[in-house]
Protein backbone atom coordinates (compact mmCIF):
# COMPACT_ATOMS: atom_id res chain seq x y z
CA UNK A 1 38.40 -53.91 1.60
CA UNK A 2 40.05 -50.70 0.98
CA UNK A 3 37.44 -49.85 -1.90
CA UNK A 4 34.76 -50.50 0.84
CA UNK A 5 36.79 -48.37 2.90
CA UNK A 6 37.07 -45.70 -0.18
CA UNK A 7 32.76 -46.34 -0.99
CA UNK A 8 32.53 -45.69 2.45
CA UNK A 9 34.45 -42.51 2.83
CA UNK A 10 32.58 -40.97 -0.43
CA UNK A 11 29.20 -41.89 0.34
CA UNK A 12 30.21 -39.42 4.11
CA UNK A 13 31.96 -37.10 2.02
CA UNK A 14 28.68 -36.94 -0.05
CA UNK A 15 26.28 -36.79 2.83
CA UNK A 16 28.35 -33.48 4.74
CA UNK A 17 27.99 -31.91 0.71
CA UNK A 18 24.78 -32.71 0.70
CA UNK A 19 23.82 -31.70 4.20
CA UNK A 20 25.82 -28.23 2.97
CA UNK A 21 23.84 -27.81 -0.32
CA UNK A 22 20.74 -28.69 2.08
CA UNK A 23 21.19 -26.00 4.26
CA UNK A 24 22.32 -23.21 1.50
CA UNK A 25 18.52 -24.03 0.34
CA UNK A 26 17.34 -23.77 3.25
CA UNK A 27 18.95 -20.37 4.19
CA UNK A 28 17.92 -19.23 0.43
CA UNK A 29 14.06 -20.16 0.92
CA UNK A 30 13.68 -18.35 4.52
CA UNK A 31 15.77 -14.99 2.47
CA UNK A 32 13.02 -15.29 -0.56
CA UNK A 33 10.12 -15.73 2.14
CA UNK A 34 11.03 -12.88 3.99
CA UNK A 35 11.83 -10.92 0.96
CA UNK A 36 8.74 -11.45 0.18
CA UNK A 37 6.87 -10.88 3.49
CA UNK A 38 8.57 -7.35 2.96
CA UNK A 39 7.11 -6.75 -0.38
CA UNK A 40 3.89 -7.58 0.63
CA UNK A 41 3.76 -4.99 3.88
CA UNK A 42 5.57 -2.23 1.85
CA UNK A 43 2.05 -2.84 -0.94
CA UNK A 44 0.27 -2.67 2.30
CA UNK A 45 1.16 0.75 4.12
CA UNK A 46 1.51 1.74 0.60
CA UNK A 47 -2.14 0.98 -0.32
CA UNK A 48 -3.02 2.65 3.59
CA UNK A 49 -1.60 6.20 2.69
CA UNK A 50 -3.09 5.85 -1.02
CA UNK A 51 -6.69 5.61 0.36
CA UNK A 52 -5.80 8.21 3.56
CA UNK A 53 -4.86 10.52 0.03
CA UNK A 54 -7.91 9.69 -1.68
CA UNK A 55 -10.03 9.94 1.64
CA UNK A 56 -8.57 13.39 2.20
CA UNK A 57 -8.61 14.30 -1.12
CA UNK A 58 -12.14 13.46 -1.09
CA UNK A 59 -12.81 15.67 1.78
CA UNK A 60 -11.37 18.58 0.46
CA UNK A 61 -13.50 18.12 -2.34
CA UNK A 62 -16.60 17.90 -0.19
CA UNK A 63 -15.48 20.93 1.81
CA UNK A 64 -14.91 23.07 -1.46
CA UNK A 65 -18.34 22.29 -3.23
CA UNK A 66 -19.80 22.86 -0.13
CA UNK A 67 -18.70 26.35 0.15
CA UNK A 68 -18.88 26.74 -4.10
CA UNK A 69 -22.97 26.32 -3.22
CA UNK A 70 -23.19 28.28 0.10
CA UNK A 71 -21.51 31.04 -2.32
CA UNK A 72 -23.88 30.66 -4.83
CA UNK A 73 -27.62 30.55 -2.40
CA UNK A 74 -25.73 33.89 -0.70
CA UNK A 75 -24.90 35.50 -4.28
CA UNK A 76 -28.62 34.93 -5.05
CA UNK A 77 -30.03 36.22 -2.12
CA UNK A 78 -27.63 39.01 -2.22
CA UNK A 79 -28.95 39.40 -6.32
CA UNK A 80 -33.04 39.40 -5.40
CA UNK A 81 -32.76 41.98 -2.29
CA UNK A 82 -32.85 44.98 -4.88
CA UNK A 83 -35.56 43.36 -6.84
CA UNK A 84 -37.35 43.13 -3.55
CA UNK A 85 -36.32 46.82 -2.63
CA UNK A 86 -37.81 47.92 -5.74
CA UNK A 87 -40.91 45.76 -5.29
CA UNK A 88 -41.79 47.22 -1.65
CA UNK A 89 -41.28 50.70 -3.40
CA UNK A 90 -44.22 49.99 -6.10
């Protein structure tokens, strides 16, 4: 009878320990999932910032190219003006 009581008590104690281990495992899984979620969110935010930076740089490049082309066209017209005046004088 004493052996049966000892076994029953051991099984109960084992159940309590298993419950604590299971609770700890659930807590670790939650922490791991939360960390992975935060990493994903951080990566998405970082990607969005990089995309915005690339879009801004592309807009600035387009602006600079347009200004360059306008300057070249204005310079070409300015260089053509003296020869046009010489043709008028001939």
